[in-house]
């Protein structure tokens, strides 16, 4: 093996430069640590790589995508709406990054490997988990108890929100706690009508609010307010939405203690049995395939849930033959993603004199109302809705009869209002949903790939059936016509909220990590991304990842200074 060691030892190595890795880099460097961030993909230059203002007329395929290239190189990644003609460069090549799905319905693993990771093209919705979520496993017996409660993480939600810049409206809901908000984006007239109609029809038991989104509604910490250009997944040169490139990595760089190395594929962590610690990581250069080692006092894995777990599973030794930090046998197990149903849609008559202005990068949110204060359904846990109201544009002509000048003239005017509701439901942590190393397949760098099994249980299916029924009921209660519910559940993975596989817990016999994201078996190893999640809630999870990464970083620094690591 041709390994060129790096003699310099850092205080910390952070694997991954996305949502969690960026936060670890910022917090650790600001606390005085020297940090090496390793990113498997290439560097991103916003002026060169972002394309949020590119018009269809400037695209080779006019925004309709190079379908042959997508089918050949990105058949899985192109299942995500954001993998379009100009943003597909932010998604991996499926031929270089294979995996095997043993599920009833193939698991769709959507990945981005570049500096910034998926924080470049995420949906930016930010909701806190509550004690309803942190206590759920202990209450209904599915999974193990979280080792933390809302009070433990609430100050870190505050800390993250104050830096990120979350626009939103306080609502006083226990199931989705309020946060530190910038001014909310306005709702459209039909959305306001829908909000008021739901309040009346359901006696105040359901609440619709504007989405809580990591997009600035005013200038904030050197970043400019959003100008509603719309296609955020293609990048943002004004830094108006949060990503690690836009915010946390520049903050870390400003300390002078950050070293960022792109094109650094990490296959495994280095375990020293004499010290009973990890001493660094192995790296394969993405371009040259040169094998390297980097050393640090602490290692933080934030490569995304399944990639971090893959690294641990591949880090075997006589002490850990089944994967590093896996004395519990829980590593790779209890995989979760959010169950998701496509938009239920209704048409609303009226308001022909009004339309929307710009492309608001946000929608509405209807907070969970099932099983909140007492059991109310034939399933456990709950679901929420995202959506929006808008007037149909020229694209409606695809399904309309007509031709000629009058037909085209009609399409230059806004069409009727439509309201869309999209359901997200909680996935139970179940041992049979798991990942393992594939004994036969490797990726483009010779690293064993994953075999993934993740199927929806009857609990998720029952939940989504009710969610679709309730979506239709709310649309009808608001006066919508031609209501079209969509009962089909998307395949696991497509919500792009994969979680679990290195879960937190109270007992080292049943979990990989303690309440500070620290490996029970390896005191100087931390897992700071979605792999640590003990349950999923039904809320978008990235805000929780960021809060946990910030909390863990502070814990690690102070524990190190006390000589505990």
Protein backbone atom coordinates (compact mmCIF):
# COMPACT_ATOMS: atom_id res chain seq x y z
CA UNK A 1 0.00 0.00 0.00
CA UNK A 2 1.49 3.32 -1.10
CA UNK A 3 0.68 5.63 1.82
CA UNK A 4 2.28 9.03 2.21
CA UNK A 5 1.71 10.04 5.85
CA UNK A 6 1.07 13.63 6.88
CA UNK A 7 3.19 14.43 9.90
CA UNK A 8 1.16 17.40 11.13
CA UNK A 9 -1.43 16.50 13.74
CA UNK A 10 -4.57 18.58 13.92
CA UNK A 11 -6.75 19.08 16.95
CA UNK A 12 -9.66 17.70 14.95
CA UNK A 13 -10.46 16.08 11.62
CA UNK A 14 -13.97 16.63 10.29
CA UNK A 15 -15.08 14.26 7.54
CA UNK A 16 -17.66 16.01 5.36
CA UNK A 17 -18.13 19.68 4.58
CA UNK A 18 -21.92 19.86 4.39
CA UNK A 19 -24.59 20.71 6.93
CA UNK A 20 -23.05 19.02 9.97
CA UNK A 21 -19.41 19.20 8.96
CA UNK A 22 -19.62 22.93 8.30
CA UNK A 23 -21.04 23.52 11.78
CA UNK A 24 -18.34 21.42 13.43
CA UNK A 25 -15.66 23.34 11.51
CA UNK A 26 -17.10 26.70 12.57
CA UNK A 27 -17.56 25.84 16.25
CA UNK A 28 -14.26 24.01 16.70
CA UNK A 29 -12.13 26.69 15.05
CA UNK A 30 -13.89 29.49 16.90
CA UNK A 31 -13.12 27.65 20.14
CA UNK A 32 -9.42 27.63 19.23
CA UNK A 33 -8.96 24.19 17.63
CA UNK A 34 -6.98 23.56 14.46
CA UNK A 35 -9.28 21.68 12.10
CA UNK A 36 -8.83 19.70 8.91
CA UNK A 37 -12.04 19.30 6.91
CA UNK A 38 -11.95 16.45 4.39
CA UNK A 39 -14.46 16.53 1.55
CA UNK A 40 -14.82 13.60 -0.86
CA UNK A 41 -15.81 15.83 -3.79
CA UNK A 42 -14.35 18.83 -5.60
CA UNK A 43 -14.22 22.46 -4.58
CA UNK A 44 -17.08 24.74 -5.56
CA UNK A 45 -16.55 28.24 -6.93
CA UNK A 46 -19.93 30.03 -6.74
CA UNK A 47 -19.12 32.47 -9.56
CA UNK A 48 -18.35 29.50 -11.80
CA UNK A 49 -20.59 26.73 -10.54
CA UNK A 50 -23.82 28.37 -9.40
CA UNK A 51 -26.51 28.90 -12.03
CA UNK A 52 -29.55 30.26 -10.22
CA UNK A 53 -30.05 33.01 -12.82
CA UNK A 54 -29.50 30.82 -15.90
CA UNK A 55 -32.53 31.05 -18.17
CA UNK A 56 -33.93 28.07 -20.09
CA UNK A 57 -33.00 29.82 -23.32
CA UNK A 58 -29.36 29.73 -22.17
CA UNK A 59 -29.39 25.98 -21.48
CA UNK A 60 -28.45 23.46 -24.18
CA UNK A 61 -31.66 21.48 -23.60
CA UNK A 62 -33.77 24.52 -22.67
CA UNK A 63 -34.34 23.22 -19.16
CA UNK A 64 -35.72 19.84 -20.28
CA UNK A 65 -32.51 17.98 -19.32
CA UNK A 66 -30.09 15.79 -21.21
CA UNK A 67 -32.22 12.69 -20.79
CA UNK A 68 -29.71 10.30 -22.31
CA UNK A 69 -26.98 11.46 -19.92
CA UNK A 70 -29.30 11.25 -16.93
CA UNK A 71 -30.39 7.75 -17.86
CA UNK A 72 -26.80 6.63 -18.39
CA UNK A 73 -25.05 8.31 -15.47
CA UNK A 74 -27.67 9.41 -12.92
CA UNK A 75 -30.74 7.17 -13.09
CA UNK A 76 -31.12 7.28 -9.29
CA UNK A 77 -30.10 10.89 -8.67
CA UNK A 78 -32.47 12.16 -11.37
CA UNK A 79 -35.42 10.93 -9.28
CA UNK A 80 -34.84 14.09 -7.22
CA UNK A 81 -36.55 17.19 -8.64
CA UNK A 82 -33.40 19.27 -8.01
CA UNK A 83 -31.23 17.14 -10.31
CA UNK A 84 -32.00 19.28 -13.34
CA UNK A 85 -30.03 20.31 -16.38
CA UNK A 86 -27.78 22.79 -14.58
CA UNK A 87 -27.80 21.41 -11.02
CA UNK A 88 -27.04 17.79 -11.89
CA UNK A 89 -23.34 18.54 -11.31
CA UNK A 90 -24.14 18.70 -7.58
CA UNK A 91 -25.32 15.07 -7.59
CA UNK A 92 -23.10 12.00 -7.79
CA UNK A 93 -22.55 9.82 -10.82
CA UNK A 94 -24.39 6.60 -10.01
CA UNK A 95 -21.87 4.53 -11.93
CA UNK A 96 -19.04 5.73 -9.73
CA UNK A 97 -21.11 5.40 -6.54
CA UNK A 98 -23.03 2.12 -6.83
CA UNK A 99 -24.93 0.41 -4.04
CA UNK A 100 -27.37 -2.48 -3.75
CA UNK A 101 -30.94 -2.22 -2.49
CA UNK A 102 -32.51 -5.33 -0.97
CA UNK A 103 -35.79 -3.58 -0.24
CA UNK A 104 -39.22 -4.50 -1.55
CA UNK A 105 -39.08 -1.16 -3.35
CA UNK A 106 -35.54 0.01 -4.23
CA UNK A 107 -34.11 2.52 -1.75
CA UNK A 108 -33.23 5.76 -3.58
CA UNK A 109 -29.98 7.12 -2.15
CA UNK A 110 -29.67 10.75 -3.27
CA UNK A 111 -26.14 12.08 -2.74
CA UNK A 112 -24.05 15.18 -3.35
CA UNK A 113 -20.26 15.05 -3.17
CA UNK A 114 -18.65 18.48 -3.34
CA UNK A 115 -17.60 21.13 -0.87
CA UNK A 116 -20.89 22.06 0.77
CA UNK A 117 -22.43 18.63 0.16
CA UNK A 118 -26.20 18.63 -0.03
CA UNK A 119 -26.40 21.95 1.84
CA UNK A 120 -26.13 23.49 -1.63
CA UNK A 121 -29.38 21.96 -2.91
CA UNK A 122 -31.39 21.19 0.22
CA UNK A 123 -35.01 22.33 0.62
CA UNK A 124 -34.08 24.68 3.55
CA UNK A 125 -37.12 23.87 5.74
CA UNK A 126 -36.19 24.16 9.43
CA UNK A 127 -38.36 22.80 12.25
CA UNK A 128 -37.42 21.92 15.80
CA UNK A 129 -38.14 18.53 17.29
CA UNK A 130 -40.06 18.69 20.58
CA UNK A 131 -40.35 16.52 23.66
CA UNK A 132 -43.22 14.78 21.87
CA UNK A 133 -40.51 13.49 19.54
CA UNK A 134 -37.72 12.95 22.07
CA UNK A 135 -40.06 10.99 24.37
CA UNK A 136 -41.84 8.98 21.65
CA UNK A 137 -39.68 5.85 21.75
CA UNK A 138 -39.94 5.55 25.53
CA UNK A 139 -43.68 6.23 25.42
CA UNK A 140 -44.78 3.72 22.79
CA UNK A 141 -41.94 1.19 22.98
CA UNK A 142 -40.63 1.48 19.43
CA UNK A 143 -36.86 1.87 19.45
CA UNK A 144 -34.84 2.96 22.48
CA UNK A 145 -35.11 6.10 24.56
CA UNK A 146 -33.28 9.20 23.40
CA UNK A 147 -30.52 10.18 25.86
CA UNK A 148 -31.54 13.85 25.57
CA UNK A 149 -34.71 15.90 25.83
CA UNK A 150 -35.82 19.17 24.28
CA UNK A 151 -34.35 21.20 27.16
CA UNK A 152 -30.90 19.79 26.36
CA UNK A 153 -30.95 20.92 22.74
CA UNK A 154 -33.15 24.05 22.90
CA UNK A 155 -30.20 26.44 23.57
CA UNK A 156 -28.39 24.94 20.61
CA UNK A 157 -31.41 25.43 18.37
CA UNK A 158 -31.28 29.08 19.47
CA UNK A 159 -27.56 29.25 18.76
CA UNK A 160 -27.88 27.79 15.27
CA UNK A 161 -30.98 29.76 14.26
CA UNK A 162 -29.41 33.05 15.31
CA UNK A 163 -26.51 32.43 12.94
CA UNK A 164 -28.33 30.72 10.07
CA UNK A 165 -31.19 33.21 9.74
CA UNK A 166 -34.53 31.38 9.78
CA UNK A 167 -37.57 33.27 8.52
CA UNK A 168 -40.79 32.16 10.16
CA UNK A 169 -43.80 32.91 12.30
CA UNK A 170 -44.15 32.05 16.01
CA UNK A 171 -47.26 29.94 16.61
CA UNK A 172 -46.95 28.66 20.18
CA UNK A 173 -47.31 24.99 19.21
CA UNK A 174 -45.86 22.39 21.57
CA UNK A 175 -45.29 19.87 18.76
CA UNK A 176 -43.22 22.34 16.68
CA UNK A 177 -41.57 24.77 19.15
CA UNK A 178 -40.99 28.36 18.10
CA UNK A 179 -37.47 29.54 17.41
CA UNK A 180 -35.32 32.58 16.72
CA UNK A 181 -36.97 33.96 13.61
CA UNK A 182 -36.36 36.64 11.01
CA UNK A 183 -39.55 38.24 9.62
CA UNK A 184 -41.78 35.66 7.92
CA UNK A 185 -42.41 35.57 4.20
CA UNK A 186 -45.97 36.59 3.34
CA UNK A 187 -48.61 34.07 2.38
CA UNK A 188 -50.61 34.48 -0.80
CA UNK A 189 -54.30 35.40 -0.61
CA UNK A 190 -55.41 31.80 -1.21
CA UNK A 191 -52.99 30.52 1.43
CA UNK A 192 -54.43 33.02 3.93
CA UNK A 193 -57.91 31.78 2.98
CA UNK A 194 -56.81 28.17 3.48
CA UNK A 195 -55.27 28.98 6.87
CA UNK A 196 -58.43 30.68 8.12
CA UNK A 197 -60.70 27.97 6.71
CA UNK A 198 -58.76 25.20 8.46
CA UNK A 199 -58.88 27.10 11.76
CA UNK A 200 -62.68 27.41 11.51
CA UNK A 201 -63.44 23.97 10.13
CA UNK A 202 -61.42 22.08 12.71
CA UNK A 203 -62.07 24.19 15.77
CA UNK A 204 -58.56 25.55 16.09
CA UNK A 205 -57.00 22.08 16.43
CA UNK A 206 -55.00 22.48 13.21
CA UNK A 207 -52.59 25.27 12.43
CA UNK A 208 -51.20 26.34 9.10
CA UNK A 209 -48.24 28.72 9.07
CA UNK A 210 -45.72 30.01 6.59
CA UNK A 211 -42.76 27.67 6.21
CA UNK A 212 -39.80 28.13 8.51
CA UNK A 213 -36.97 28.37 6.05
CA UNK A 214 -33.24 29.09 6.07
CA UNK A 215 -33.66 31.94 3.59
CA UNK A 216 -33.02 35.53 4.63
CA UNK A 217 -35.85 38.06 4.59
CA UNK A 218 -33.43 40.84 5.56
CA UNK A 219 -29.68 41.32 5.43
CA UNK A 220 -28.08 39.16 8.10
CA UNK A 221 -24.49 38.72 9.26
CA UNK A 222 -22.97 39.95 6.01
CA UNK A 223 -25.38 38.05 3.78
CA UNK A 224 -28.01 39.67 1.56
CA UNK A 225 -31.77 39.25 1.75
CA UNK A 226 -33.39 36.94 -0.80
CA UNK A 227 -34.62 38.51 -4.04
CA UNK A 228 -36.99 35.63 -4.92
CA UNK A 229 -35.25 34.43 -8.06
CA UNK A 230 -36.49 30.94 -7.23
CA UNK A 231 -34.27 27.97 -8.20
CA UNK A 232 -32.29 27.76 -4.96
CA UNK A 233 -31.04 24.23 -5.68
CA UNK A 234 -28.76 25.70 -8.35
CA UNK A 235 -26.82 27.77 -5.81
CA UNK A 236 -27.05 31.29 -4.41
CA UNK A 237 -24.34 33.84 -5.13
CA UNK A 238 -25.92 36.43 -2.83
CA UNK A 239 -25.63 33.86 0.00
CA UNK A 240 -29.28 34.51 0.85
CA UNK A 241 -29.97 30.92 1.80
CA UNK A 242 -27.94 28.98 4.30
CA UNK A 243 -25.33 26.49 3.16
CA UNK A 244 -21.95 25.63 4.59
CA UNK A 245 -20.30 27.39 1.64
CA UNK A 246 -22.39 30.51 2.25
CA UNK A 247 -21.95 30.74 6.01
CA UNK A 248 -20.23 28.22 8.29
CA UNK A 249 -17.11 27.43 6.26
CA UNK A 250 -16.33 31.15 5.68
CA UNK A 251 -16.74 31.71 9.43
CA UNK A 252 -14.32 28.86 10.14
CA UNK A 253 -11.86 30.14 7.53
CA UNK A 254 -11.91 33.60 9.12
CA UNK A 255 -10.34 32.14 12.28
CA UNK A 256 -7.18 31.13 10.41
CA UNK A 257 -7.41 27.64 11.95
CA UNK A 258 -9.21 25.83 9.12
CA UNK A 259 -7.60 23.59 6.51
CA UNK A 260 -10.02 22.38 3.84
CA UNK A 261 -8.99 19.53 1.56
CA UNK A 262 -11.41 18.66 -1.27
CA UNK A 263 -11.17 15.45 -3.33
CA UNK A 264 -10.42 13.44 -0.19
CA UNK A 265 -12.37 10.17 -0.08
CA UNK A 266 -12.25 8.62 3.41
CA UNK A 267 -12.57 4.82 3.42
CA UNK A 268 -11.82 4.24 7.11
CA UNK A 269 -10.77 5.62 10.47
CA UNK A 270 -7.43 4.64 12.03
CA UNK A 271 -7.77 2.74 15.33
CA UNK A 272 -4.84 2.41 17.73
CA UNK A 273 -5.45 -0.56 20.06
CA UNK A 274 -2.58 0.40 22.36
CA UNK A 275 -4.04 3.83 23.03
CA UNK A 276 -7.66 2.71 22.80
CA UNK A 277 -8.32 5.72 20.58
CA UNK A 278 -8.55 6.71 16.96
CA UNK A 279 -5.57 8.63 15.64
CA UNK A 280 -6.80 9.87 12.30
CA UNK A 281 -8.27 8.75 8.98
CA UNK A 282 -7.17 7.15 5.76
CA UNK A 283 -7.78 9.06 2.54
CA UNK A 284 -7.84 8.17 -1.14
CA UNK A 285 -7.31 11.16 -3.39
CA UNK A 286 -10.36 11.31 -5.66
CA UNK A 287 -8.36 12.31 -8.74
CA UNK A 288 -4.97 10.57 -8.37
CA UNK A 289 -6.14 7.59 -6.23
CA UNK A 290 -3.09 8.22 -4.03
CA UNK A 291 -3.50 6.80 -0.53
CA UNK A 292 -2.77 9.11 2.39
CA UNK A 293 -3.17 9.37 6.14
CA UNK A 294 -4.11 12.39 8.25
CA UNK A 295 -3.84 12.50 12.02
CA UNK A 296 -5.73 14.34 14.74
CA UNK A 297 -6.59 14.17 18.43
CA UNK A 298 -10.31 13.83 17.67
CA UNK A 299 -12.30 12.69 14.65
CA UNK A 300 -15.80 13.91 13.70
CA UNK A 301 -17.78 12.00 11.07
CA UNK A 302 -20.26 14.21 9.24
CA UNK A 303 -20.24 12.64 5.79
CA UNK A 304 -24.05 12.05 5.84
CA UNK A 305 -25.80 9.27 7.71
CA UNK A 306 -25.07 6.32 5.47
CA UNK A 307 -21.60 7.45 4.41
CA UNK A 308 -20.48 7.92 8.02
CA UNK A 309 -21.81 4.48 8.89
CA UNK A 310 -20.14 3.02 5.82
CA UNK A 311 -16.80 4.44 7.03
CA UNK A 312 -17.29 2.86 10.46
CA UNK A 313 -18.32 -0.50 9.01
CA UNK A 314 -15.21 -0.45 6.84
CA UNK A 315 -12.96 0.40 9.82
CA UNK A 316 -12.43 -3.14 11.07
CA UNK A 317 -9.78 -4.52 13.41
CA UNK A 318 -9.32 -7.41 15.83
CA UNK A 319 -10.98 -5.22 18.47
CA UNK A 320 -13.87 -4.29 16.19
CA UNK A 321 -14.32 -7.04 13.58
CA UNK A 322 -17.84 -5.84 12.73
CA UNK A 323 -17.00 -2.16 12.40
CA UNK A 324 -15.45 0.50 14.58
CA UNK A 325 -17.41 1.42 17.73
CA UNK A 326 -19.78 -1.48 17.15
CA UNK A 327 -19.59 -3.51 20.36
CA UNK A 328 -23.39 -3.09 20.63
CA UNK A 329 -24.06 -4.57 17.21
CA UNK A 330 -26.36 -1.61 16.50
CA UNK A 331 -24.15 -0.05 13.82
CA UNK A 332 -25.92 -0.05 10.47
CA UNK A 333 -29.33 -0.80 11.96
CA UNK A 334 -32.52 1.22 12.51
CA UNK A 335 -32.39 3.10 9.22
CA UNK A 336 -35.19 5.65 8.80
CA UNK A 337 -36.45 8.07 6.17
CA UNK A 338 -39.66 10.06 6.09
CA UNK A 339 -42.64 8.50 4.41
CA UNK A 340 -43.85 10.92 1.77
CA UNK A 341 -46.85 11.22 -0.55
CA UNK A 342 -46.99 13.35 -3.68
CA UNK A 343 -49.11 16.49 -3.79
CA UNK A 344 -52.83 16.31 -3.19
CA UNK A 345 -54.21 19.12 -5.34
CA UNK A 346 -57.38 21.23 -5.55
CA UNK A 347 -58.47 24.16 -7.71
CA UNK A 348 -59.78 27.35 -6.10
CA UNK A 349 -62.10 29.73 -7.91
CA UNK A 350 -61.88 33.48 -7.34
CA UNK A 351 -59.03 35.91 -6.73
CA UNK A 352 -58.63 36.30 -10.51
CA UNK A 353 -57.38 39.86 -9.95
CA UNK A 354 -54.44 38.64 -7.87
CA UNK A 355 -51.32 36.63 -8.53
CA UNK A 356 -47.93 36.07 -6.95
CA UNK A 357 -44.83 38.20 -7.46
CA UNK A 358 -41.40 36.65 -7.90
CA UNK A 359 -40.66 33.06 -7.01
CA UNK A 360 -40.95 32.72 -3.26
CA UNK A 361 -38.48 30.02 -2.14
CA UNK A 362 -40.85 28.72 0.51
CA UNK A 363 -44.29 27.28 1.09
CA UNK A 364 -46.69 26.68 3.95
CA UNK A 365 -46.54 24.19 6.81
CA UNK A 366 -49.39 22.42 8.59
CA UNK A 367 -48.07 21.10 11.88
CA UNK A 368 -48.73 17.59 13.09
CA UNK A 369 -52.16 17.16 14.66
CA UNK A 370 -52.49 13.35 14.95
CA UNK A 371 -51.50 11.74 18.26
CA UNK A 372 -50.34 14.98 19.83
CA UNK A 373 -52.01 15.09 23.24
CA UNK A 374 -53.68 11.68 23.15
CA UNK A 375 -53.93 8.74 20.71
CA UNK A 376 -56.23 9.71 17.85
CA UNK A 377 -55.42 7.30 15.03
CA UNK A 378 -54.84 3.62 14.27
CA UNK A 379 -51.09 4.18 14.10
CA UNK A 380 -48.41 5.69 16.35
CA UNK A 381 -46.51 8.96 15.75
CA UNK A 382 -47.64 11.59 13.25
CA UNK A 383 -47.32 13.53 10.02
CA UNK A 384 -47.22 17.11 8.78
CA UNK A 385 -47.88 18.88 5.50
CA UNK A 386 -45.96 21.24 3.28
CA UNK A 387 -47.40 22.92 0.21
CA UNK A 388 -48.34 26.17 -1.49
CA UNK A 389 -50.98 27.97 -3.54
CA UNK A 390 -50.14 29.42 -6.91
CA UNK A 391 -51.75 30.35 -10.19
CA UNK A 392 -51.08 28.00 -13.05
CA UNK A 393 -48.72 29.25 -15.73
CA UNK A 394 -48.17 28.51 -19.40
CA UNK A 395 -47.23 24.91 -18.58
CA UNK A 396 -50.90 24.10 -18.12
CA UNK A 397 -51.16 24.15 -21.91
CA UNK A 398 -49.62 20.67 -22.02
CA UNK A 399 -52.90 19.16 -20.83
CA UNK A 400 -55.29 21.67 -22.44
CA UNK A 401 -56.99 21.30 -25.84
CA UNK A 402 -56.40 24.05 -28.38
CA UNK A 403 -53.91 25.53 -30.83
CA UNK A 404 -53.16 28.71 -32.70
CA UNK A 405 -52.85 32.37 -31.73
CA UNK A 406 -55.83 32.48 -29.38
CA UNK A 407 -54.59 29.42 -27.53
CA UNK A 408 -51.12 30.88 -27.07
CA UNK A 409 -52.54 34.23 -26.01
CA UNK A 410 -54.60 32.51 -23.33
CA UNK A 411 -51.48 30.88 -21.94
CA UNK A 412 -49.78 34.28 -21.46
CA UNK A 413 -52.37 35.03 -18.76
CA UNK A 414 -52.28 33.36 -15.33
CA UNK A 415 -54.51 30.33 -14.99
CA UNK A 416 -56.70 29.38 -11.99
CA UNK A 417 -55.37 29.04 -8.45
CA UNK A 418 -54.25 25.63 -7.28
CA UNK A 419 -53.34 24.49 -3.78
CA UNK A 420 -50.94 21.58 -3.22
CA UNK A 421 -50.44 19.63 0.01
CA UNK A 422 -47.51 17.26 0.42
CA UNK A 423 -47.45 14.87 3.41
CA UNK A 424 -44.38 13.82 5.43
CA UNK A 425 -44.78 11.04 7.99
CA UNK A 426 -42.59 9.62 10.73
CA UNK A 427 -40.77 6.33 10.14
CA UNK A 428 -40.40 3.97 13.09
CA UNK A 429 -36.89 2.75 14.00
CA UNK A 430 -36.87 -0.95 13.12
CA UNK A 431 -33.90 -3.32 13.22
CA UNK A 432 -34.79 -4.92 9.89
CA UNK A 433 -34.21 -1.60 8.13
CA UNK A 434 -30.44 -1.65 7.92
CA UNK A 435 -27.28 -1.26 5.88
CA UNK A 436 -24.23 -3.53 5.59
CA UNK A 437 -21.09 -3.66 3.49
CA UNK A 438 -21.51 -5.42 0.18
CA UNK A 439 -19.03 -8.35 0.06
CA UNK A 440 -18.73 -8.19 -3.71
CA UNK A 441 -19.19 -4.62 -4.97
CA UNK A 442 -16.82 -1.65 -4.68
CA UNK A 443 -17.05 1.96 -5.81
CA UNK A 444 -14.74 3.81 -8.21
CA UNK A 445 -12.10 4.06 -5.46
CA UNK A 446 -12.17 0.40 -4.51
CA UNK A 447 -14.16 0.93 -1.30
CA UNK A 448 -16.87 -1.61 -0.42
CA UNK A 449 -20.33 -0.25 -1.14
CA UNK A 450 -23.50 -0.63 0.90
CA UNK A 451 -26.36 -3.09 0.72
CA UNK A 452 -29.44 -1.20 1.89
CA UNK A 453 -32.73 -2.58 3.12
CA UNK A 454 -35.49 -0.16 4.06
CA UNK A 455 -39.18 -0.97 3.73
CA UNK A 456 -42.26 0.86 4.93
CA UNK A 457 -44.11 -0.90 7.73
CA UNK A 458 -47.88 -1.02 8.04
CA UNK A 459 -47.60 1.85 10.54
CA UNK A 460 -46.16 4.19 7.89
CA UNK A 461 -48.69 2.98 5.32
CA UNK A 462 -51.63 3.56 7.67
CA UNK A 463 -50.25 6.98 8.55
CA UNK A 464 -49.98 8.02 4.91
CA UNK A 465 -53.46 6.75 4.11
CA UNK A 466 -54.86 8.99 6.80
CA UNK A 467 -52.64 11.91 5.76
CA UNK A 468 -53.97 11.78 2.20
CA UNK A 469 -57.55 11.57 3.44
CA UNK A 470 -57.00 14.56 5.71
CA UNK A 471 -55.34 16.56 2.94
CA UNK A 472 -58.44 16.09 0.80
CA UNK A 473 -60.71 16.95 3.72
CA UNK A 474 -58.86 20.20 4.41
CA UNK A 475 -58.85 21.22 0.75
CA UNK A 476 -62.58 20.56 0.53
CA UNK A 477 -63.26 22.42 3.78
CA UNK A 478 -61.59 25.48 2.27
CA UNK A 479 -63.82 25.35 -0.82
CA UNK A 480 -61.43 23.64 -3.22
CA UNK A 481 -62.93 21.79 -6.19
CA UNK A 482 -61.65 18.98 -8.36
CA UNK A 483 -59.75 17.62 -5.36
CA UNK A 484 -57.16 15.07 -6.46
CA UNK A 485 -55.62 13.10 -3.56
CA UNK A 486 -52.37 11.23 -4.23
CA UNK A 487 -52.21 8.05 -2.11
CA UNK A 488 -48.94 6.63 -3.51
CA UNK A 489 -46.05 6.60 -1.02
CA UNK A 490 -42.67 7.55 -2.46
CA UNK A 491 -39.90 4.92 -2.22
CA UNK A 492 -37.73 5.04 0.92
CA UNK A 493 -34.84 7.43 0.44
CA UNK A 494 -36.62 9.93 -1.80
CA UNK A 495 -37.46 12.27 1.07
CA UNK A 496 -33.64 12.58 1.32
CA UNK A 497 -33.93 12.50 5.12
CA UNK A 498 -32.07 9.22 5.75
CA UNK A 499 -31.36 8.88 9.47
CA UNK A 500 -30.19 6.38 12.03
CA UNK A 501 -27.66 3.50 11.64
CA UNK A 502 -25.35 4.83 14.42
CA UNK A 503 -27.95 5.86 16.95
CA UNK A 504 -27.64 7.69 20.25
CA UNK A 505 -28.82 5.99 23.41
CA UNK A 506 -28.54 5.67 27.16
CA UNK A 507 -27.00 2.18 27.17
CA UNK A 508 -23.79 1.17 25.33
CA UNK A 509 -25.27 -2.30 24.90
CA UNK A 510 -28.00 -1.02 22.56
CA UNK A 511 -26.56 2.13 20.96
CA UNK A 512 -23.44 3.39 19.21
CA UNK A 513 -23.31 6.91 20.67
CA UNK A 514 -24.00 8.61 23.97
CA UNK A 515 -25.99 11.81 24.43
CA UNK A 516 -23.13 13.95 23.09
CA UNK A 517 -22.77 12.06 19.79
CA UNK A 518 -19.63 10.43 21.25
CA UNK A 519 -18.91 6.78 20.49
CA UNK A 520 -19.30 4.68 23.62
CA UNK A 521 -16.34 2.51 22.58
CA UNK A 522 -14.03 5.26 21.30
CA UNK A 523 -13.89 8.44 23.42
CA UNK A 524 -12.30 10.67 20.77
CA UNK A 525 -14.70 9.69 17.96
CA UNK A 526 -17.93 11.62 17.28
CA UNK A 527 -20.69 11.08 14.70
CA UNK A 528 -22.44 14.40 14.03
CA UNK A 529 -24.85 13.81 11.17
CA UNK A 530 -28.18 12.05 10.73
CA UNK A 531 -26.68 8.66 11.60
CA UNK A 532 -27.02 9.65 15.29
CA UNK A 533 -30.81 10.02 15.22
CA UNK A 534 -32.71 7.71 17.57
CA UNK A 535 -36.10 8.45 16.01
CA UNK A 536 -37.13 10.56 13.06
CA UNK A 537 -40.04 12.80 14.02
CA UNK A 538 -41.98 14.02 11.00
CA UNK A 539 -40.17 17.37 10.74
CA UNK A 540 -37.34 18.12 8.31
CA UNK A 541 -34.26 17.04 10.28
CA UNK A 542 -31.40 19.29 9.14
CA UNK A 543 -31.92 21.91 11.86
CA UNK A 544 -31.55 19.17 14.47
CA UNK A 545 -28.36 17.89 12.82
CA UNK A 546 -26.89 21.38 12.98
CA UNK A 547 -27.85 21.92 16.62
CA UNK A 548 -26.43 18.53 17.62
CA UNK A 549 -23.19 19.20 15.68
CA UNK A 550 -22.73 22.56 17.43
CA UNK A 551 -23.49 21.04 20.85
CA UNK A 552 -21.12 18.13 20.25
CA UNK A 553 -18.30 20.42 19.13
CA UNK A 554 -18.48 22.45 22.33
CA UNK A 555 -18.63 19.31 24.44
CA UNK A 556 -15.60 17.82 22.69
CA UNK A 557 -13.46 20.93 23.16
CA UNK A 558 -14.27 21.31 26.85
CA UNK A 559 -13.96 17.57 27.53
CA UNK A 560 -10.55 17.63 25.85
CA UNK A 561 -9.44 20.58 27.95
CA UNK A 562 -10.52 18.70 31.07
CA UNK A 563 -8.44 15.71 29.98
CA UNK A 564 -11.49 13.48 29.48
CA UNK A 565 -10.76 12.74 25.82
